[in-house]
Amino acid sequence: MTETKMSTSRRNHLKSLLLQIAETMLEEEAREAQKEKMMYMEENCSTLCVPGSIQELQDLCRGLHKQIDLVDEERYDVEIKVSKSNKEIDDLKLMVQDLKGKFKKPALKKVRMSADAMLAALLGSKHKVSMDLRANLKQVKKEVKEEEKQTGNWRKNIEEKAGMDGRKKMFQTEA
């Protein structure tokens, strides 16, 4: 069976339907959360009656401070548990990533290395081959021509021929 592609108008229509359903679900969840909050407040918080005397007001304030301290302790405990759980989750994510073997590759830097150093880095102690290309070249002895032997250093010849003395020598040797 071949799969047929969905037209863009159909895809957009389905997407809008999904968004509408999701919106109604979010609204319903918000209403339920508000109801739960109101029920919790009715159960745990009694109706506030303001007493007339100063002593009763002070007792009420002390009671409220005690409740605030208890709630702060609970909040602190919950925050610590959440932070520990988050750390465990991060550690587990790292372990899963290690097990999968997928790592984010770092950006590589250009490094100038000789061929010998590169082979040594790749092969480690097994590296015995030398990449010195000049060592493998055949050595050729250079034969010196007879003319070059006679002329010697060209600078000396030019210095000798410079000036009047050099010119006289040139004419004398030619003649």
N, C-alpha and C. Protein backbone atom coordinates (compact mmCIF):
# COMPACT_ATOMS: atom_id res chain seq x y z
N MET A 1 0.83 -1.19 0.00
CA MET A 1 0.00 0.00 0.00
C MET A 1 0.87 1.25 0.00
N THR A 2 0.52 2.18 -0.78
CA THR A 2 1.25 3.44 -0.81
C THR A 2 0.54 4.44 0.08
N GLU A 3 1.38 5.19 0.76
CA GLU A 3 0.80 6.22 1.64
C GLU A 3 0.59 7.48 0.83
N THR A 4 -0.60 8.06 0.97
CA THR A 4 -0.88 9.30 0.25
C THR A 4 -0.67 10.46 1.19
N LYS A 5 -0.15 11.52 0.63
CA LYS A 5 0.10 12.71 1.45
C LYS A 5 -1.20 13.46 1.68
N MET A 6 -1.28 14.08 2.87
CA MET A 6 -2.45 14.84 3.24
C MET A 6 -2.34 16.25 2.65
N SER A 7 -3.43 16.80 2.18
CA SER A 7 -3.39 18.14 1.61
C SER A 7 -3.18 19.15 2.73
N THR A 8 -2.66 20.29 2.36
CA THR A 8 -2.35 21.32 3.36
C THR A 8 -3.61 21.85 4.03
N SER A 9 -4.71 21.99 3.27
CA SER A 9 -5.95 22.50 3.88
C SER A 9 -6.47 21.49 4.92
N ARG A 10 -6.41 20.22 4.59
CA ARG A 10 -6.85 19.17 5.54
C ARG A 10 -5.95 19.17 6.77
N ARG A 11 -4.64 19.27 6.57
CA ARG A 11 -3.70 19.29 7.70
C ARG A 11 -3.96 20.49 8.61
N ASN A 12 -4.17 21.67 8.01
CA ASN A 12 -4.45 22.87 8.81
C ASN A 12 -5.76 22.75 9.57
N HIS A 13 -6.78 22.15 8.93
CA HIS A 13 -8.07 21.95 9.59
C HIS A 13 -7.91 21.03 10.80
N LEU A 14 -7.19 19.92 10.63
CA LEU A 14 -6.97 18.99 11.75
C LEU A 14 -6.15 19.65 12.86
N LYS A 15 -5.18 20.45 12.46
CA LYS A 15 -4.36 21.14 13.46
C LYS A 15 -5.21 22.10 14.28
N SER A 16 -6.10 22.83 13.63
CA SER A 16 -6.97 23.77 14.36
C SER A 16 -7.91 23.02 15.29
N LEU A 17 -8.42 21.86 14.85
CA LEU A 17 -9.28 21.05 15.73
C LEU A 17 -8.52 20.57 16.96
N LEU A 18 -7.30 20.10 16.75
CA LEU A 18 -6.49 19.66 17.89
C LEU A 18 -6.22 20.80 18.86
N LEU A 19 -5.94 21.99 18.33
CA LEU A 19 -5.69 23.15 19.19
C LEU A 19 -6.94 23.51 19.99
N GLN A 20 -8.11 23.42 19.38
CA GLN A 20 -9.36 23.72 20.10
C GLN A 20 -9.59 22.72 21.23
N ILE A 21 -9.36 21.44 20.94
CA ILE A 21 -9.54 20.41 21.97
C ILE A 21 -8.55 20.63 23.12
N ALA A 22 -7.31 20.94 22.77
CA ALA A 22 -6.30 21.18 23.81
C ALA A 22 -6.66 22.40 24.65
N GLU A 23 -7.20 23.44 24.02
CA GLU A 23 -7.59 24.64 24.76
C GLU A 23 -8.70 24.34 25.76
N THR A 24 -9.69 23.57 25.34
CA THR A 24 -10.78 23.23 26.26
C THR A 24 -10.27 22.36 27.41
N MET A 25 -9.34 21.45 27.10
CA MET A 25 -8.77 20.61 28.17
C MET A 25 -7.99 21.45 29.18
N LEU A 26 -7.23 22.44 28.70
CA LEU A 26 -6.49 23.32 29.60
C LEU A 26 -7.43 24.13 30.49
N GLU A 27 -8.50 24.64 29.90
CA GLU A 27 -9.47 25.41 30.69
C GLU A 27 -10.09 24.53 31.77
N GLU A 28 -10.42 23.29 31.42
CA GLU A 28 -11.01 22.37 32.40
C GLU A 28 -10.04 22.05 33.52
N GLU A 29 -8.79 21.84 33.16
CA GLU A 29 -7.77 21.57 34.19
C GLU A 29 -7.61 22.77 35.13
N ALA A 30 -7.64 23.98 34.57
CA ALA A 30 -7.53 25.18 35.40
C ALA A 30 -8.70 25.29 36.37
N ARG A 31 -9.92 24.97 35.88
CA ARG A 31 -11.10 25.01 36.76
C ARG A 31 -10.97 23.98 37.88
N GLU A 32 -10.51 22.77 37.55
CA GLU A 32 -10.36 21.73 38.57
C GLU A 32 -9.30 22.13 39.60
N ALA A 33 -8.21 22.74 39.14
CA ALA A 33 -7.17 23.17 40.06
C ALA A 33 -7.71 24.24 41.00
N GLN A 34 -8.53 25.15 40.48
CA GLN A 34 -9.12 26.20 41.32
C GLN A 34 -10.06 25.59 42.36
N LYS A 35 -10.86 24.57 41.95
CA LYS A 35 -11.76 23.90 42.89
C LYS A 35 -10.97 23.20 44.00
N GLU A 36 -9.89 22.51 43.61
CA GLU A 36 -9.07 21.82 44.61
C GLU A 36 -8.45 22.82 45.58
N LYS A 37 -8.01 23.95 45.05
CA LYS A 37 -7.41 24.98 45.91
C LYS A 37 -8.43 25.50 46.91
N MET A 38 -9.65 25.76 46.46
CA MET A 38 -10.70 26.26 47.36
C MET A 38 -11.04 25.21 48.42
N MET A 39 -11.12 23.92 48.02
CA MET A 39 -11.43 22.87 48.99
C MET A 39 -10.31 22.76 50.03
N TYR A 40 -9.07 22.87 49.59
CA TYR A 40 -7.93 22.79 50.52
C TYR A 40 -7.97 23.97 51.51
N MET A 41 -8.26 25.15 50.99
CA MET A 41 -8.33 26.34 51.85
C MET A 41 -9.46 26.21 52.87
N GLU A 42 -10.60 25.66 52.46
CA GLU A 42 -11.71 25.49 53.39
C GLU A 42 -11.38 24.47 54.48
N GLU A 43 -10.65 23.42 54.09
CA GLU A 43 -10.30 22.39 55.08
C GLU A 43 -9.24 22.87 56.07
N ASN A 44 -8.21 23.53 55.57
CA ASN A 44 -7.06 23.87 56.42
C ASN A 44 -7.13 25.26 57.04
N CYS A 45 -7.82 26.17 56.43
CA CYS A 45 -7.88 27.53 56.95
C CYS A 45 -9.29 27.80 57.46
N SER A 46 -9.37 28.08 58.73
CA SER A 46 -10.68 28.41 59.29
C SER A 46 -11.02 29.85 58.94
N THR A 47 -12.29 30.18 59.11
CA THR A 47 -12.71 31.54 58.81
C THR A 47 -12.10 32.48 59.84
N LEU A 48 -11.70 33.63 59.38
CA LEU A 48 -11.01 34.58 60.24
C LEU A 48 -12.04 35.42 61.00
N CYS A 49 -11.93 35.35 62.32
CA CYS A 49 -12.77 36.21 63.14
C CYS A 49 -11.83 37.13 63.92
N VAL A 50 -12.00 38.41 63.75
CA VAL A 50 -11.12 39.39 64.38
C VAL A 50 -11.62 39.65 65.80
N PRO A 51 -10.78 39.30 66.79
CA PRO A 51 -11.19 39.54 68.18
C PRO A 51 -11.11 41.02 68.53
N GLY A 52 -11.79 41.37 69.59
CA GLY A 52 -11.87 42.77 69.99
C GLY A 52 -10.73 43.22 70.89
N SER A 53 -10.15 42.35 71.71
CA SER A 53 -9.13 42.79 72.65
C SER A 53 -7.73 42.60 72.06
N ILE A 54 -6.82 43.33 72.65
CA ILE A 54 -5.42 43.30 72.19
C ILE A 54 -4.79 41.94 72.49
N GLN A 55 -5.08 41.37 73.65
CA GLN A 55 -4.52 40.08 74.03
C GLN A 55 -4.93 38.99 73.03
N GLU A 56 -6.19 38.99 72.66
CA GLU A 56 -6.67 37.98 71.70
C GLU A 56 -6.03 38.18 70.32
N LEU A 57 -5.79 39.44 69.92
CA LEU A 57 -5.11 39.73 68.65
C LEU A 57 -3.67 39.21 68.67
N GLN A 58 -2.99 39.42 69.84
CA GLN A 58 -1.61 38.94 69.95
C GLN A 58 -1.57 37.41 69.89
N ASP A 59 -2.52 36.75 70.54
CA ASP A 59 -2.58 35.29 70.49
C ASP A 59 -2.82 34.81 69.05
N LEU A 60 -3.71 35.50 68.35
CA LEU A 60 -4.00 35.16 66.96
C LEU A 60 -2.74 35.32 66.09
N CYS A 61 -2.00 36.42 66.31
CA CYS A 61 -0.76 36.66 65.54
C CYS A 61 0.28 35.57 65.84
N ARG A 62 0.41 35.19 67.11
CA ARG A 62 1.36 34.13 67.47
C ARG A 62 0.97 32.81 66.79
N GLY A 63 -0.29 32.52 66.79
CA GLY A 63 -0.76 31.29 66.12
C GLY A 63 -0.47 31.32 64.62
N LEU A 64 -0.72 32.47 64.01
CA LEU A 64 -0.45 32.61 62.58
C LEU A 64 1.05 32.47 62.29
N HIS A 65 1.90 33.03 63.16
CA HIS A 65 3.35 32.92 62.98
C HIS A 65 3.80 31.47 63.08
N LYS A 66 3.21 30.73 64.01
CA LYS A 66 3.55 29.30 64.15
C LYS A 66 3.16 28.54 62.88
N GLN A 67 1.98 28.85 62.35
CA GLN A 67 1.54 28.18 61.12
C GLN A 67 2.45 28.55 59.94
N ILE A 68 2.86 29.81 59.90
CA ILE A 68 3.76 30.26 58.83
C ILE A 68 5.09 29.52 58.93
N ASP A 69 5.61 29.37 60.16
CA ASP A 69 6.88 28.64 60.35
C ASP A 69 6.75 27.19 59.89
N LEU A 70 5.62 26.55 60.24
CA LEU A 70 5.41 25.16 59.83
C LEU A 70 5.36 25.04 58.29
N VAL A 71 4.64 25.96 57.68
CA VAL A 71 4.53 25.92 56.22
C VAL A 71 5.89 26.18 55.57
N ASP A 72 6.69 27.12 56.13
CA ASP A 72 8.02 27.39 55.59
C ASP A 72 8.92 26.16 55.70
N GLU A 73 8.83 25.44 56.84
CA GLU A 73 9.63 24.23 56.99
C GLU A 73 9.24 23.19 55.95
N GLU A 74 7.94 23.02 55.75
CA GLU A 74 7.48 22.06 54.74
C GLU A 74 7.95 22.47 53.34
N ARG A 75 7.85 23.77 53.06
CA ARG A 75 8.27 24.28 51.75
C ARG A 75 9.76 24.02 51.54
N TYR A 76 10.56 24.29 52.59
CA TYR A 76 12.00 24.06 52.50
C TYR A 76 12.29 22.58 52.24
N ASP A 77 11.62 21.70 52.97
CA ASP A 77 11.82 20.26 52.78
C ASP A 77 11.46 19.83 51.36
N VAL A 78 10.35 20.35 50.87
CA VAL A 78 9.92 19.99 49.52
C VAL A 78 10.92 20.51 48.49
N GLU A 79 11.43 21.73 48.68
CA GLU A 79 12.41 22.29 47.74
C GLU A 79 13.68 21.44 47.70
N ILE A 80 14.13 20.98 48.88
CA ILE A 80 15.31 20.12 48.94
C ILE A 80 15.05 18.80 48.20
N LYS A 81 13.88 18.22 48.42
CA LYS A 81 13.54 16.96 47.74
C LYS A 81 13.50 17.17 46.22
N VAL A 82 12.93 18.28 45.80
CA VAL A 82 12.84 18.57 44.37
C VAL A 82 14.23 18.76 43.77
N SER A 83 15.11 19.49 44.48
CA SER A 83 16.46 19.71 43.95
C SER A 83 17.23 18.39 43.86
N LYS A 84 17.06 17.51 44.88
CA LYS A 84 17.71 16.20 44.83
C LYS A 84 17.17 15.38 43.66
N SER A 85 15.86 15.43 43.47
CA SER A 85 15.25 14.68 42.37
C SER A 85 15.75 15.20 41.02
N ASN A 86 15.85 16.52 40.89
CA ASN A 86 16.34 17.10 39.64
C ASN A 86 17.78 16.68 39.36
N LYS A 87 18.59 16.65 40.42
CA LYS A 87 19.99 16.23 40.25
C LYS A 87 20.05 14.76 39.83
N GLU A 88 19.22 13.92 40.45
CA GLU A 88 19.18 12.50 40.07
C GLU A 88 18.74 12.34 38.61
N ILE A 89 17.76 13.15 38.21
CA ILE A 89 17.26 13.09 36.83
C ILE A 89 18.38 13.47 35.87
N ASP A 90 19.12 14.53 36.19
CA ASP A 90 20.22 14.94 35.32
C ASP A 90 21.29 13.85 35.23
N ASP A 91 21.62 13.24 36.38
CA ASP A 91 22.61 12.15 36.37
C ASP A 91 22.13 10.98 35.53
N LEU A 92 20.85 10.64 35.66
CA LEU A 92 20.31 9.54 34.86
C LEU A 92 20.31 9.88 33.37
N LYS A 93 20.03 11.13 33.03
CA LYS A 93 20.07 11.55 31.63
C LYS A 93 21.48 11.38 31.07
N LEU A 94 22.48 11.77 31.88
CA LEU A 94 23.87 11.62 31.44
C LEU A 94 24.22 10.14 31.25
N MET A 95 23.76 9.30 32.18
CA MET A 95 24.03 7.87 32.06
C MET A 95 23.39 7.30 30.80
N VAL A 96 22.15 7.70 30.52
CA VAL A 96 21.46 7.22 29.31
C VAL A 96 22.21 7.69 28.07
N GLN A 97 22.67 8.93 28.09
CA GLN A 97 23.41 9.47 26.96
C GLN A 97 24.72 8.70 26.77
N ASP A 98 25.38 8.36 27.88
CA ASP A 98 26.61 7.56 27.79
C ASP A 98 26.32 6.19 27.21
N LEU A 99 25.22 5.58 27.63
CA LEU A 99 24.88 4.25 27.14
C LEU A 99 24.52 4.27 25.65
N LYS A 100 23.86 5.32 25.22
CA LYS A 100 23.50 5.42 23.81
C LYS A 100 24.74 5.67 22.96
N GLY A 101 25.70 6.38 23.53
CA GLY A 101 26.92 6.66 22.78
C GLY A 101 26.81 7.86 21.87
N LYS A 102 25.77 8.63 22.01
CA LYS A 102 25.62 9.83 21.19
C LYS A 102 26.13 11.02 21.98
N PHE A 103 27.15 11.66 21.44
CA PHE A 103 27.73 12.82 22.11
C PHE A 103 27.72 13.99 21.15
N LYS A 104 27.66 15.14 21.72
CA LYS A 104 27.75 16.34 20.91
C LYS A 104 29.23 16.56 20.59
N LYS A 105 29.54 16.63 19.31
CA LYS A 105 30.94 16.76 18.92
C LYS A 105 31.40 18.19 19.15
N PRO A 106 32.53 18.36 19.81
CA PRO A 106 33.04 19.72 20.02
C PRO A 106 33.63 20.26 18.72
N ALA A 107 33.73 21.55 18.64
CA ALA A 107 34.34 22.18 17.48
C ALA A 107 35.83 21.88 17.49
N LEU A 108 36.34 21.42 16.37
CA LEU A 108 37.74 21.04 16.29
C LEU A 108 38.60 22.26 15.95
N LYS A 109 39.81 22.26 16.51
CA LYS A 109 40.74 23.35 16.24
C LYS A 109 41.79 22.86 15.26
N LYS A 110 42.32 23.77 14.45
CA LYS A 110 43.38 23.41 13.54
C LYS A 110 44.67 23.28 14.33
N VAL A 111 45.36 22.17 14.09
CA VAL A 111 46.62 21.93 14.79
C VAL A 111 47.67 21.60 13.74
N ARG A 112 48.81 22.25 13.82
CA ARG A 112 49.90 21.96 12.90
C ARG A 112 50.70 20.81 13.49
N MET A 113 50.75 19.71 12.74
CA MET A 113 51.45 18.52 13.20
C MET A 113 52.24 17.93 12.06
N SER A 114 53.39 17.41 12.37
CA SER A 114 54.13 16.69 11.34
C SER A 114 53.50 15.33 11.15
N ALA A 115 53.87 14.67 10.07
CA ALA A 115 53.31 13.34 9.80
C ALA A 115 53.73 12.35 10.88
N ASP A 116 54.98 12.48 11.35
CA ASP A 116 55.46 11.57 12.41
C ASP A 116 54.66 11.78 13.69
N ALA A 117 54.42 13.03 14.06
CA ALA A 117 53.66 13.31 15.29
C ALA A 117 52.23 12.81 15.16
N MET A 118 51.64 12.93 13.95
CA MET A 118 50.28 12.47 13.75
C MET A 118 50.20 10.95 13.87
N LEU A 119 51.15 10.23 13.27
CA LEU A 119 51.17 8.77 13.38
C LEU A 119 51.41 8.35 14.82
N ALA A 120 52.28 9.06 15.52
CA ALA A 120 52.53 8.73 16.92
C ALA A 120 51.28 8.94 17.75
N ALA A 121 50.52 9.99 17.46
CA ALA A 121 49.29 10.24 18.22
C ALA A 121 48.24 9.18 17.91
N LEU A 122 48.16 8.77 16.66
CA LEU A 122 47.15 7.78 16.28
C LEU A 122 47.52 6.37 16.73
N LEU A 123 48.79 5.99 16.53
CA LEU A 123 49.19 4.61 16.81
C LEU A 123 49.77 4.42 18.20
N GLY A 124 50.18 5.50 18.83
CA GLY A 124 50.74 5.38 20.18
C GLY A 124 52.12 4.74 20.13
N SER A 125 52.35 3.75 20.99
CA SER A 125 53.67 3.14 21.10
C SER A 125 53.97 2.22 19.92
N LYS A 126 52.96 1.88 19.12
CA LYS A 126 53.17 1.01 17.97
C LYS A 126 53.86 1.74 16.82
N HIS A 127 54.00 3.04 16.92
CA HIS A 127 54.54 3.87 15.84
C HIS A 127 56.03 3.61 15.68
N LYS A 128 56.41 2.96 14.57
CA LYS A 128 57.82 2.72 14.29
C LYS A 128 58.18 3.22 12.90
N VAL A 129 57.18 3.49 12.08
CA VAL A 129 57.43 3.92 10.71
C VAL A 129 57.75 5.40 10.72
N SER A 130 58.77 5.75 10.00
CA SER A 130 59.16 7.15 9.91
C SER A 130 58.63 7.73 8.61
N MET A 131 58.10 8.90 8.69
CA MET A 131 57.57 9.55 7.50
C MET A 131 58.57 10.55 6.92
N ASP A 132 59.84 10.38 7.24
CA ASP A 132 60.86 11.27 6.70
C ASP A 132 61.06 10.90 5.24
N LEU A 133 60.45 11.65 4.35
CA LEU A 133 60.46 11.31 2.93
C LEU A 133 61.84 11.54 2.31
N ARG A 134 62.61 12.44 2.84
CA ARG A 134 63.92 12.72 2.27
C ARG A 134 64.90 11.58 2.51
N ALA A 135 64.69 10.83 3.59
CA ALA A 135 65.60 9.73 3.90
C ALA A 135 65.49 8.61 2.87
N ASN A 136 64.34 8.45 2.25
CA ASN A 136 64.14 7.38 1.30
C ASN A 136 64.58 7.75 -0.12
N LEU A 137 64.99 8.98 -0.33
CA LEU A 137 65.39 9.40 -1.67
C LEU A 137 66.77 8.82 -2.03
N LYS A 138 66.96 8.58 -3.29
CA LYS A 138 68.24 8.08 -3.77
C LYS A 138 69.22 9.25 -3.81
N GLN A 139 70.39 9.03 -3.28
CA GLN A 139 71.38 10.10 -3.26
C GLN A 139 72.18 10.07 -4.56
N VAL A 140 72.34 11.20 -5.16
CA VAL A 140 73.05 11.31 -6.43
C VAL A 140 74.27 12.19 -6.21
N LYS A 141 75.41 11.70 -6.68
CA LYS A 141 76.63 12.51 -6.58
C LYS A 141 76.63 13.51 -7.72
N LYS A 142 77.01 14.70 -7.40
CA LYS A 142 76.99 15.77 -8.38
C LYS A 142 78.37 15.84 -9.03
N GLU A 143 78.38 15.77 -10.34
CA GLU A 143 79.65 15.87 -11.06
C GLU A 143 79.89 17.32 -11.42
N VAL A 144 81.06 17.76 -11.14
CA VAL A 144 81.41 19.15 -11.41
C VAL A 144 82.03 19.22 -12.80
N LYS A 145 81.53 20.14 -13.61
CA LYS A 145 82.04 20.30 -14.98
C LYS A 145 83.44 20.91 -14.93
N GLU A 146 84.20 20.67 -15.97
CA GLU A 146 85.56 21.18 -16.03
C GLU A 146 85.59 22.70 -16.10
N GLU A 147 84.60 23.30 -16.79
CA GLU A 147 84.57 24.75 -16.92
C GLU A 147 84.39 25.40 -15.57
N GLU A 148 83.52 24.82 -14.76
CA GLU A 148 83.28 25.40 -13.44
C GLU A 148 84.52 25.27 -12.58
N LYS A 149 85.29 24.20 -12.75
CA LYS A 149 86.52 24.03 -11.99
C LYS A 149 87.52 25.11 -12.35
N GLN A 150 87.58 25.42 -13.65
CA GLN A 150 88.56 26.40 -14.09
C GLN A 150 88.17 27.80 -13.65
N THR A 151 86.89 28.12 -13.77
CA THR A 151 86.47 29.47 -13.44
C THR A 151 86.49 29.70 -11.94
N GLY A 152 86.17 28.67 -11.16
CA GLY A 152 86.19 28.81 -9.71
C GLY A 152 85.02 29.65 -9.25
N ASN A 153 85.31 30.53 -8.31
CA ASN A 153 84.27 31.38 -7.76
C ASN A 153 84.04 32.54 -8.71
N TRP A 154 82.84 32.76 -9.16
CA TRP A 154 82.53 33.81 -10.13
C TRP A 154 82.73 35.20 -9.55
N ARG A 155 82.59 35.34 -8.24
CA ARG A 155 82.78 36.66 -7.63
C ARG A 155 84.24 37.10 -7.74
N LYS A 156 85.13 36.16 -7.53
CA LYS A 156 86.55 36.50 -7.66
C LYS A 156 86.87 36.93 -9.07
N ASN A 157 86.28 36.22 -10.03
CA ASN A 157 86.53 36.57 -11.43
C ASN A 157 86.03 37.97 -11.74
N ILE A 158 84.87 38.33 -11.25
CA ILE A 158 84.32 39.66 -11.54
C ILE A 158 85.16 40.72 -10.86
N GLU A 159 85.59 40.48 -9.63
CA GLU A 159 86.41 41.46 -8.92
C GLU A 159 87.76 41.64 -9.64
N GLU A 160 88.29 40.56 -10.16
CA GLU A 160 89.57 40.66 -10.87
C GLU A 160 89.42 41.44 -12.16
N LYS A 161 88.28 41.26 -12.83
CA LYS A 161 88.08 41.92 -14.12
C LYS A 161 87.62 43.36 -13.95
N ALA A 162 87.22 43.74 -12.74
CA ALA A 162 86.75 45.10 -12.52
C ALA A 162 87.93 46.06 -12.57
N GLY A 163 87.69 47.26 -13.05
CA GLY A 163 88.73 48.27 -13.11
C GLY A 163 89.65 48.06 -14.32
N MET A 164 90.65 48.92 -14.42
CA MET A 164 91.54 48.89 -15.58
C MET A 164 92.43 47.67 -15.56
N ASP A 165 92.88 47.26 -14.38
CA ASP A 165 93.78 46.10 -14.31
C ASP A 165 93.07 44.87 -14.83
N GLY A 166 91.82 44.71 -14.46
CA GLY A 166 91.06 43.55 -14.91
C GLY A 166 90.87 43.55 -16.41
N ARG A 167 90.66 44.71 -17.00
CA ARG A 167 90.45 44.79 -18.44
C ARG A 167 91.75 44.47 -19.18
N LYS A 168 92.85 44.94 -18.63
CA LYS A 168 94.13 44.63 -19.27
C LYS A 168 94.36 43.13 -19.27
N LYS A 169 94.00 42.47 -18.12
CA LYS A 169 94.19 41.05 -18.04
C LYS A 169 93.32 40.32 -19.04
N MET A 170 92.07 40.85 -19.21
CA MET A 170 91.16 40.21 -20.16
C MET A 170 91.77 40.25 -21.57
N PHE A 171 92.30 41.42 -21.94
CA PHE A 171 92.85 41.56 -23.31
C PHE A 171 94.13 40.77 -23.44
N GLN A 172 94.91 40.72 -22.36
CA GLN A 172 96.16 39.99 -22.44
C GLN A 172 95.90 38.50 -22.56
N THR A 173 94.96 37.98 -21.86
CA THR A 173 94.69 36.54 -21.92
C THR A 173 94.06 36.14 -23.23
N GLU A 174 93.29 37.04 -23.83
CA GLU A 174 92.64 36.72 -25.10
C GLU A 174 93.62 36.75 -26.24
N ALA A 175 94.55 37.62 -26.15
CA ALA A 175 95.47 37.79 -27.27
C ALA A 175 96.57 36.81 -27.27
